[in-house]
Amino acid sequence: MGRAVRDWKLSSRTARLKLKARKSREPFWRLIHEGLHLGYRKGERGGVWMARVYDDSGKYRKRVLAHADDIHDSNGRDILTFRQAQEKAKAIAAEMPAANPLGPYTVADALRDYLEWYVANRKAFAATKHAAELHILPKLGTIPIAKLTSSQIRRWRESIAKAPARARSSSRRGVSRLRKAYDLRARQATANRLLTILKAALNFAWRDGRAPADEPWRKVKPFKNVDNAKVRYLSLGESTRLINACAPEFRLLVQAALLTGCRYGELVRMVCSDFNPDSATVLVSETKSGKPRHVYLTDEGRRSFERITAGRPGSETIFLRADGKPWGAAHQQRPLMKACKAAHISPPVSFHILRHTYGSMLAMKGVPLQVIAEALGHADTRITHRHYAHLMPSYVADTIRSNLPTFGIKTDNVAKMKRKKA
């Protein structure tokens, strides 16, 4: 059944002494093989080792193995170390009927269980599910997690980076097409994002006791220096032109995006009661991370939301189309493209650029990254730093600009040099 596993909570008596005994007397379980767990039940005078085996009837069978070497040293019989307890548990499992009649727990099983959790706790489920089905399942889906190796994951990651990008599929064709252009850095960034999904699913399985160790995928690192974001944002003048070029109902949505930094999906789900004029805040109850947040408004933002929500029921959606219906998925694309054309913004921007504009404006004013991360709903400052740190006032930049001498370079009346005839 393979080599012994490690567990920092159970492997030494010092670590086990720090554990708190559970009122339910349920042991601390550790998966040591598919269908086999080693358990440690702590008592007042030391603990005992237990085995839990998944048998051919589809049920777990539990058995006490021996005392743990918490107080007395191991004698190899009725007092065992963590490693010795594993060997005894494996010997007992070998004598029992075949475990897990449904077959080994595979990468596909892990992705299925992870996606079931994801749909209830996170947003962007469709994109995550599509990425897993298109890129992960065909190559790794049938491999049992217990047999998954670092080299297999690494080869899969490298194959993603070498393959051409896929164009978006149309609803009429139903299939995705390969793009002709190839950008190594972009493909490596895609491989990193897919690796993140794979690791999240495998870690979910490992924490649930379905994987013997997380070492195989923990050893595989993402490609370096490929995720440096090239963030586009609108200047203050471009923002003003864009607002003025929008249709009246869409203008309210664009203004709100620039005043709050909210995503399109967050804005179109807001109801009037989410706005609190007393605290000048807007509640974003449904977010990408699933964690609600409050957005703090400027005086201009508070007046804007007061004007939009005045006299309306609290349960009514704030932003509505000209026909009185809520904005739906992708309804923002055409009016935004039309407004960009009228405002002479080329190339035209996506709605998400308004969110980047909000973050960029704050960064250029020297607002700390932690504050920007909180306002945008980022879990920490890593993404915020990647997108906006270069825009912040810099001591290095200020020092260079104030101390580098002027070279007397003239840019006016510069004539082109004529080539000499041979």
Protein backbone atom coordinates (compact mmCIF):
# COMPACT_ATOMS: atom_id res chain seq x y z
CA MET A 1 0.00 0.00 0.00
CA GLY A 2 2.93 2.35 -0.38
CA ARG A 3 5.13 4.24 2.05
CA ALA A 4 4.01 5.74 5.35
CA VAL A 5 2.31 9.11 5.26
CA ARG A 6 3.19 12.12 7.39
CA ASP A 7 0.92 14.24 9.55
CA TRP A 8 2.26 17.04 11.73
CA LYS A 9 -0.70 16.72 14.14
CA LEU A 10 -0.29 12.99 14.79
CA SER A 11 3.26 11.92 14.00
CA SER A 12 4.85 12.90 17.35
CA ARG A 13 3.69 12.70 20.96
CA THR A 14 4.52 16.39 21.39
CA ALA A 15 2.11 17.34 18.60
CA ARG A 16 -0.60 14.98 19.92
CA LEU A 17 -0.39 16.50 23.41
CA LYS A 18 -1.44 19.84 21.92
CA LEU A 19 -4.66 18.39 20.49
CA LYS A 20 -7.89 18.95 22.41
CA ALA A 21 -10.01 15.90 23.17
CA ARG A 22 -13.30 15.99 21.28
CA LYS A 23 -16.53 15.80 23.27
CA SER A 24 -17.99 13.46 20.66
CA ARG A 25 -14.98 11.16 21.14
CA GLU A 26 -14.60 11.15 17.35
CA PRO A 27 -10.97 10.40 16.47
CA PHE A 28 -8.69 12.63 14.43
CA TRP A 29 -8.64 10.77 11.11
CA ARG A 30 -5.83 10.67 8.56
CA LEU A 31 -6.14 9.01 5.15
CA ILE A 32 -3.23 6.64 4.61
CA HIS A 33 -4.60 4.78 1.58
CA GLU A 34 -7.69 4.82 -0.61
CA GLY A 35 -10.50 3.51 1.60
CA LEU A 36 -8.30 3.32 4.73
CA HIS A 37 -7.96 5.89 7.53
CA LEU A 38 -5.85 5.87 10.66
CA GLY A 39 -7.51 7.54 13.63
CA TYR A 40 -6.24 8.92 16.94
CA ARG A 41 -8.72 9.20 19.81
CA LYS A 42 -7.40 11.31 22.65
CA GLY A 43 -8.21 10.53 26.26
CA GLU A 44 -7.26 11.87 29.67
CA ARG A 45 -4.44 9.31 30.02
CA GLY A 46 -3.12 9.21 26.48
CA GLY A 47 -4.73 8.17 23.24
CA VAL A 48 -5.46 5.09 21.19
CA TRP A 49 -4.96 4.29 17.51
CA MET A 50 -7.95 3.21 15.43
CA ALA A 51 -8.45 2.00 11.86
CA ARG A 52 -11.39 2.87 9.61
CA VAL A 53 -11.78 0.69 6.53
CA TYR A 54 -14.24 1.18 3.66
CA ASP A 55 -15.44 -2.35 2.88
CA ASP A 56 -17.25 -3.99 -0.02
CA SER A 57 -20.67 -3.21 1.46
CA GLY A 58 -20.07 0.51 1.00
CA LYS A 59 -19.72 1.17 4.75
CA TYR A 60 -16.86 2.07 7.08
CA ARG A 61 -15.71 -0.44 9.68
CA LYS A 62 -13.82 0.83 12.72
CA ARG A 63 -11.38 -1.12 14.88
CA VAL A 64 -9.14 -0.21 17.83
CA LEU A 65 -5.50 -1.01 17.07
CA ALA A 66 -3.44 -0.21 20.18
CA HIS A 67 -2.46 2.52 22.61
CA ALA A 68 -0.45 5.46 21.27
CA ASP A 69 3.05 6.07 22.61
CA ASP A 70 1.92 9.26 24.38
CA ILE A 71 3.09 8.26 27.86
CA HIS A 72 5.07 5.02 27.44
CA ASP A 73 7.48 4.14 24.68
CA SER A 74 6.38 1.76 21.96
CA ASN A 75 6.72 -1.98 22.49
CA GLY A 76 5.55 -2.91 18.98
CA ARG A 77 2.47 -4.77 20.28
CA ASP A 78 -0.10 -2.86 22.33
CA ILE A 79 1.75 0.50 22.32
CA LEU A 80 2.56 1.83 18.87
CA THR A 81 4.10 4.85 17.17
CA PHE A 82 2.32 6.68 14.34
CA ARG A 83 4.30 4.73 11.73
CA GLN A 84 3.72 1.38 13.44
CA ALA A 85 -0.01 2.12 13.70
CA GLN A 86 -0.12 2.71 9.95
CA GLU A 87 1.47 -0.67 9.25
CA LYS A 88 -0.99 -2.45 11.53
CA ALA A 89 -3.94 -0.64 9.93
CA LYS A 90 -2.74 -1.71 6.47
CA ALA A 91 -2.39 -5.32 7.63
CA ILE A 92 -5.95 -5.33 8.95
CA ALA A 93 -7.28 -3.73 5.75
CA ALA A 94 -5.55 -6.43 3.65
CA GLU A 95 -7.49 -9.14 5.49
CA MET A 96 -10.86 -7.49 4.86
CA PRO A 97 -13.00 -7.61 1.66
CA ALA A 98 -12.01 -5.32 -1.19
CA ALA A 99 -12.54 -1.66 -0.37
CA ASN A 100 -14.49 0.93 -2.33
CA PRO A 101 -16.64 -0.99 -4.84
CA LEU A 102 -17.13 2.20 -6.82
CA GLY A 103 -13.47 2.21 -7.80
CA PRO A 104 -10.62 4.56 -6.87
CA TYR A 105 -11.23 8.25 -6.18
CA THR A 106 -10.06 10.02 -9.33
CA VAL A 107 -9.27 13.58 -10.37
CA ALA A 108 -12.68 13.66 -12.06
CA ASP A 109 -14.34 12.73 -8.76
CA ALA A 110 -12.41 15.48 -6.99
CA LEU A 111 -13.47 18.07 -9.57
CA ARG A 112 -17.09 16.93 -9.31
CA ASP A 113 -17.13 17.31 -5.51
CA TYR A 114 -15.29 20.62 -5.68
CA LEU A 115 -17.69 22.07 -8.25
CA GLU A 116 -20.66 20.99 -6.14
CA TRP A 117 -19.20 23.03 -3.29
CA TYR A 118 -18.18 25.85 -5.63
CA VAL A 119 -21.67 26.44 -7.06
CA ALA A 120 -23.01 27.01 -3.53
CA ASN A 121 -20.16 29.16 -2.21
CA ARG A 122 -18.60 31.06 -5.12
CA LYS A 123 -19.48 32.98 -8.27
CA ALA A 124 -18.31 32.46 -11.87
CA PHE A 125 -19.27 28.78 -11.64
CA ALA A 126 -19.96 28.37 -15.36
CA ALA A 127 -16.50 29.59 -16.37
CA THR A 128 -14.77 27.38 -13.80
CA LYS A 129 -16.79 24.32 -14.82
CA HIS A 130 -16.14 24.96 -18.53
CA ALA A 131 -12.38 25.31 -17.95
CA ALA A 132 -12.27 22.09 -15.95
CA GLU A 133 -14.24 20.10 -18.54
CA LEU A 134 -12.26 21.45 -21.48
CA HIS A 135 -8.69 21.39 -20.16
CA ILE A 136 -8.40 19.21 -17.03
CA LEU A 137 -10.75 16.24 -17.38
CA PRO A 138 -9.55 15.00 -20.82
CA LYS A 139 -5.93 14.61 -19.68
CA LEU A 140 -6.10 13.94 -15.92
CA GLY A 141 -9.70 12.95 -15.15
CA THR A 142 -9.24 9.17 -15.06
CA ILE A 143 -6.12 9.18 -12.84
CA PRO A 144 -6.70 8.11 -9.20
CA ILE A 145 -5.58 10.85 -6.82
CA ALA A 146 -3.56 8.33 -4.82
CA LYS A 147 -1.48 7.63 -7.96
CA LEU A 148 -1.25 11.19 -9.27
CA THR A 149 2.35 12.37 -9.53
CA SER A 150 4.05 15.74 -9.79
CA SER A 151 5.49 14.84 -13.19
CA GLN A 152 2.01 14.10 -14.58
CA ILE A 153 0.72 17.47 -13.41
CA ARG A 154 3.82 19.22 -14.71
CA ARG A 155 3.54 17.61 -18.16
CA TRP A 156 -0.15 18.57 -18.31
CA ARG A 157 0.66 22.17 -17.37
CA GLU A 158 3.37 22.37 -20.02
CA SER A 159 1.05 20.90 -22.68
CA ILE A 160 -1.46 23.68 -21.96
CA ALA A 161 1.26 26.29 -22.41
CA LYS A 162 2.37 24.79 -25.74
CA ALA A 163 -1.10 24.44 -27.23
CA PRO A 164 -2.64 27.29 -29.27
CA ALA A 165 -5.34 29.35 -27.59
CA ARG A 166 -8.95 28.56 -28.33
CA ALA A 167 -11.31 31.13 -29.80
CA ARG A 168 -14.69 31.65 -28.19
CA SER A 169 -17.29 29.20 -29.42
CA SER A 170 -20.46 30.47 -31.01
CA SER A 171 -23.83 29.15 -29.94
CA ARG A 172 -24.53 28.09 -33.51
CA ARG A 173 -21.40 26.01 -33.94
CA GLY A 174 -21.19 24.73 -30.38
CA VAL A 175 -17.46 24.05 -30.63
CA SER A 176 -14.38 26.12 -29.85
CA ARG A 177 -11.84 26.82 -32.56
CA LEU A 178 -8.07 27.11 -32.22
CA ARG A 179 -6.65 30.55 -32.81
CA LYS A 180 -3.86 30.92 -35.33
CA ALA A 181 -1.86 33.40 -33.28
CA TYR A 182 0.33 32.00 -30.48
CA ASP A 183 1.54 33.98 -27.47
CA LEU A 184 3.73 31.92 -25.10
CA ARG A 185 3.34 34.30 -22.18
CA ALA A 186 -0.44 34.39 -22.55
CA ARG A 187 -0.62 30.60 -22.78
CA GLN A 188 1.55 30.23 -19.68
CA ALA A 189 -0.79 32.61 -17.84
CA THR A 190 -3.73 30.44 -18.92
CA ALA A 191 -1.90 27.34 -17.69
CA ASN A 192 -1.40 29.04 -14.32
CA ARG A 193 -5.12 29.78 -13.99
CA LEU A 194 -6.02 26.18 -14.85
CA LEU A 195 -3.42 24.91 -12.39
CA THR A 196 -5.10 27.02 -9.71
CA ILE A 197 -8.45 25.32 -10.42
CA LEU A 198 -6.85 21.87 -10.35
CA LYS A 199 -5.02 22.54 -7.09
CA ALA A 200 -8.18 23.93 -5.48
CA ALA A 201 -10.08 20.73 -6.33
CA LEU A 202 -7.26 18.46 -5.14
CA ASN A 203 -6.82 20.42 -1.91
CA PHE A 204 -10.56 20.18 -1.33
CA ALA A 205 -10.30 16.39 -1.68
CA TRP A 206 -7.23 16.24 0.56
CA ARG A 207 -8.91 18.24 3.34
CA ASP A 208 -11.90 15.91 3.02
CA GLY A 209 -9.65 12.91 3.60
CA ARG A 210 -9.85 11.59 0.03
CA ALA A 211 -6.16 12.02 -0.82
CA PRO A 212 -3.18 10.51 1.06
CA ALA A 213 -1.01 13.63 0.70
CA ASP A 214 -0.94 17.01 -1.03
CA GLU A 215 2.75 16.80 -1.88
CA PRO A 216 2.40 15.81 -5.58
CA TRP A 217 0.58 19.01 -6.61
CA ARG A 218 2.20 21.22 -3.97
CA LYS A 219 5.54 20.60 -5.70
CA VAL A 220 4.26 21.92 -9.04
CA LYS A 221 4.76 25.67 -9.21
CA PRO A 222 3.13 28.09 -11.68
CA PHE A 223 5.08 29.71 -14.50
CA LYS A 224 6.89 32.79 -13.24
CA ASN A 225 6.56 36.38 -14.46
CA VAL A 226 3.68 35.74 -16.83
CA ASP A 227 0.77 37.17 -14.85
CA ASN A 228 1.93 40.77 -14.70
CA ALA A 229 -1.28 42.56 -15.59
CA LYS A 230 -1.40 45.27 -18.24
CA VAL A 231 -4.22 47.31 -16.80
CA ARG A 232 -5.96 49.83 -18.97
CA TYR A 233 -7.90 52.65 -17.36
CA LEU A 234 -9.62 55.83 -18.47
CA SER A 235 -8.28 59.27 -17.73
CA LEU A 236 -10.51 61.78 -15.99
CA GLY A 237 -11.22 63.48 -19.32
CA GLU A 238 -12.07 60.18 -21.03
CA SER A 239 -14.35 59.24 -18.16
CA THR A 240 -16.25 62.51 -18.47
CA ARG A 241 -16.61 62.14 -22.23
CA LEU A 242 -17.84 58.58 -21.82
CA ILE A 243 -20.48 59.57 -19.25
CA ASN A 244 -21.76 62.36 -21.49
CA ALA A 245 -21.92 60.04 -24.53
CA CYS A 246 -24.08 57.38 -22.81
CA ALA A 247 -27.83 57.03 -23.18
CA PRO A 248 -29.64 58.34 -20.05
CA GLU A 249 -30.43 54.97 -18.42
CA PHE A 250 -27.03 53.49 -19.24
CA ARG A 251 -25.32 56.66 -18.03
CA LEU A 252 -26.54 55.95 -14.48
CA LEU A 253 -24.89 52.53 -14.62
CA VAL A 254 -21.58 53.90 -15.92
CA GLN A 255 -21.56 56.65 -13.30
CA ALA A 256 -22.18 54.11 -10.55
CA ALA A 257 -19.31 51.92 -11.80
CA LEU A 258 -16.88 54.85 -11.69
CA LEU A 259 -18.13 55.97 -8.26
CA THR A 260 -18.04 52.53 -6.61
CA GLY A 261 -15.62 50.29 -8.54
CA CYS A 262 -18.30 47.59 -8.57
CA ARG A 263 -18.52 44.90 -11.22
CA TYR A 264 -21.36 44.97 -13.72
CA GLY A 265 -23.03 41.95 -12.13
CA GLU A 266 -22.83 43.55 -8.69
CA LEU A 267 -24.44 46.76 -9.88
CA VAL A 268 -27.36 45.24 -11.76
CA ARG A 269 -28.32 43.14 -8.71
CA MET A 270 -28.44 46.12 -6.32
CA VAL A 271 -31.78 47.13 -4.82
CA CYS A 272 -32.70 50.52 -3.39
CA SER A 273 -32.38 49.35 0.23
CA ASP A 274 -28.70 48.54 -0.38
CA PHE A 275 -27.99 52.28 -0.41
CA ASN A 276 -27.66 53.88 3.05
CA PRO A 277 -27.74 57.69 2.80
CA ASP A 278 -26.88 58.15 6.50
CA SER A 279 -23.54 56.33 6.24
CA ALA A 280 -23.08 57.13 2.52
CA THR A 281 -22.45 53.47 1.73
CA VAL A 282 -23.72 50.87 -0.71
CA LEU A 283 -24.03 47.22 0.28
CA VAL A 284 -22.76 44.71 -2.27
CA SER A 285 -24.49 41.57 -1.04
CA GLU A 286 -23.62 39.21 -3.90
CA THR A 287 -19.94 39.28 -4.80
CA LYS A 288 -17.55 37.13 -6.79
CA SER A 289 -15.97 35.77 -3.61
CA GLY A 290 -19.33 35.26 -1.89
CA LYS A 291 -18.35 37.69 0.89
CA PRO A 292 -20.56 40.83 1.13
CA ARG A 293 -18.87 44.23 1.37
CA HIS A 294 -19.78 47.89 1.88
CA VAL A 295 -18.60 50.53 -0.59
CA TYR A 296 -18.00 54.03 0.76
CA LEU A 297 -19.26 56.87 -1.40
CA THR A 298 -17.96 60.37 -1.95
CA ASP A 299 -20.35 63.32 -1.63
CA GLU A 300 -20.86 63.13 -5.38
CA GLY A 301 -21.61 59.41 -5.13
CA ARG A 302 -24.06 59.88 -2.26
CA ARG A 303 -25.95 62.59 -4.17
CA SER A 304 -26.05 60.39 -7.27
CA PHE A 305 -27.54 57.41 -5.42
CA GLU A 306 -29.97 59.66 -3.52
CA ARG A 307 -31.26 61.00 -6.81
CA ILE A 308 -31.66 57.53 -8.34
CA THR A 309 -33.37 55.89 -5.33
CA ALA A 310 -35.57 58.80 -4.13
CA GLY A 311 -39.17 57.72 -3.50
CA ARG A 312 -38.66 54.15 -4.70
CA PRO A 313 -39.44 50.92 -2.79
CA GLY A 314 -36.48 49.33 -1.03
CA SER A 315 -36.96 46.03 -2.84
CA GLU A 316 -36.84 47.58 -6.32
CA THR A 317 -33.76 47.13 -8.49
CA ILE A 318 -31.80 50.38 -8.64
CA PHE A 319 -30.66 50.33 -12.25
CA LEU A 320 -33.25 49.65 -14.92
CA ARG A 321 -33.29 49.81 -18.70
CA ALA A 322 -35.40 52.27 -20.69
CA ASP A 323 -38.21 49.68 -20.85
CA GLY A 324 -38.26 49.39 -17.06
CA LYS A 325 -36.73 45.90 -17.01
CA PRO A 326 -33.51 44.96 -15.19
CA TRP A 327 -30.19 44.83 -17.01
CA GLY A 328 -29.23 41.28 -17.96
CA ALA A 329 -26.04 39.47 -18.85
CA ALA A 330 -24.14 41.14 -21.71
CA HIS A 331 -26.76 43.92 -22.05
CA GLN A 332 -24.01 46.44 -21.36
CA GLN A 333 -21.80 45.59 -24.34
CA ARG A 334 -23.60 47.32 -27.21
CA PRO A 335 -24.46 50.59 -25.42
CA LEU A 336 -20.89 50.81 -24.11
CA MET A 337 -19.38 50.27 -27.58
CA LYS A 338 -21.71 52.93 -28.97
CA ALA A 339 -20.76 55.37 -26.20
CA CYS A 340 -17.02 54.73 -26.72
CA LYS A 341 -17.39 55.51 -30.41
CA ALA A 342 -19.26 58.74 -29.68
CA ALA A 343 -16.70 59.74 -27.02
CA HIS A 344 -13.75 58.98 -29.37
CA ILE A 345 -12.31 56.34 -27.03
CA SER A 346 -10.31 53.95 -29.17
CA PRO A 347 -9.96 51.07 -28.84
CA PRO A 348 -13.29 50.80 -27.03
CA VAL A 349 -13.22 49.60 -23.43
CA SER A 350 -15.11 46.86 -21.65
CA PHE A 351 -17.28 47.57 -18.62
CA HIS A 352 -14.61 46.06 -16.37
CA ILE A 353 -12.23 48.86 -17.34
CA LEU A 354 -14.48 51.21 -15.34
CA ARG A 355 -13.61 49.15 -12.26
CA HIS A 356 -9.91 49.43 -13.12
CA THR A 357 -10.37 53.17 -13.56
CA TYR A 358 -11.76 53.43 -10.02
CA GLY A 359 -8.79 51.50 -8.58
CA SER A 360 -6.24 53.37 -10.71
CA MET A 361 -7.58 56.80 -9.70
CA LEU A 362 -7.25 55.87 -6.02
CA ALA A 363 -3.73 54.47 -6.51
CA MET A 364 -2.50 57.61 -8.28
CA LYS A 365 -3.74 59.66 -5.32
CA GLY A 366 -1.59 57.60 -2.98
CA VAL A 367 -4.38 55.59 -1.33
CA PRO A 368 -2.84 52.54 0.44
CA LEU A 369 -3.21 49.24 -1.38
CA GLN A 370 -4.96 47.69 1.61
CA VAL A 371 -7.71 50.32 1.37
CA ILE A 372 -8.08 49.78 -2.40
CA ALA A 373 -8.24 46.01 -1.89
CA GLU A 374 -10.98 46.46 0.71
CA ALA A 375 -12.96 48.77 -1.57
CA LEU A 376 -12.72 46.40 -4.54
CA GLY A 377 -13.46 43.29 -2.50
CA HIS A 378 -10.09 41.58 -3.04
CA ALA A 379 -9.27 38.87 -0.50
CA ASP A 380 -5.79 40.36 0.03
CA THR A 381 -3.45 42.88 -1.59
CA ARG A 382 -1.74 40.51 -4.07
CA ILE A 383 -4.09 41.23 -6.99
CA THR A 384 -4.32 44.89 -5.99
CA HIS A 385 -0.53 45.19 -5.94
CA ARG A 386 -0.22 43.51 -9.34
CA HIS A 387 -2.72 45.87 -10.96
CA TYR A 388 -2.15 49.23 -9.30
CA ALA A 389 1.17 49.39 -7.41
CA HIS A 390 3.04 50.88 -10.40
CA LEU A 391 0.60 53.82 -10.47
CA MET A 392 1.21 54.87 -6.88
CA PRO A 393 3.49 57.79 -5.99
CA SER A 394 6.98 56.35 -5.82
CA TYR A 395 9.98 57.59 -3.84
CA VAL A 396 12.27 56.05 -6.48
CA ALA A 397 10.47 57.80 -9.35
CA ASP A 398 10.32 61.16 -7.55
CA THR A 399 14.02 60.95 -6.62
CA ILE A 400 15.11 60.12 -10.18
CA ARG A 401 12.99 62.87 -11.74
CA SER A 402 14.28 65.50 -9.33
CA ASN A 403 17.97 64.57 -9.60
CA LEU A 404 18.64 63.44 -13.17
CA PRO A 405 20.20 66.41 -15.04
CA THR A 406 18.71 68.02 -18.14
CA PHE A 407 20.59 67.16 -21.34
CA GLY A 408 19.32 70.08 -23.39
CA ILE A 409 17.53 67.87 -25.87
CA LYS A 410 15.45 69.93 -28.29
CA THR A 411 12.30 68.53 -29.79
CA ASP A 412 11.19 71.59 -31.80
CA ASN A 413 12.15 72.10 -35.43
CA VAL A 414 13.80 68.73 -35.76
CA ALA A 415 14.55 68.03 -39.43
CA LYS A 416 14.90 64.58 -40.88
CA MET A 417 18.41 63.67 -41.97
CA LYS A 418 18.84 63.00 -45.66
CA ARG A 419 20.57 59.86 -46.80
CA LYS A 420 23.83 60.36 -48.61
CA LYS A 421 23.96 59.01 -52.09
CA ALA A 422 26.45 56.24 -52.62
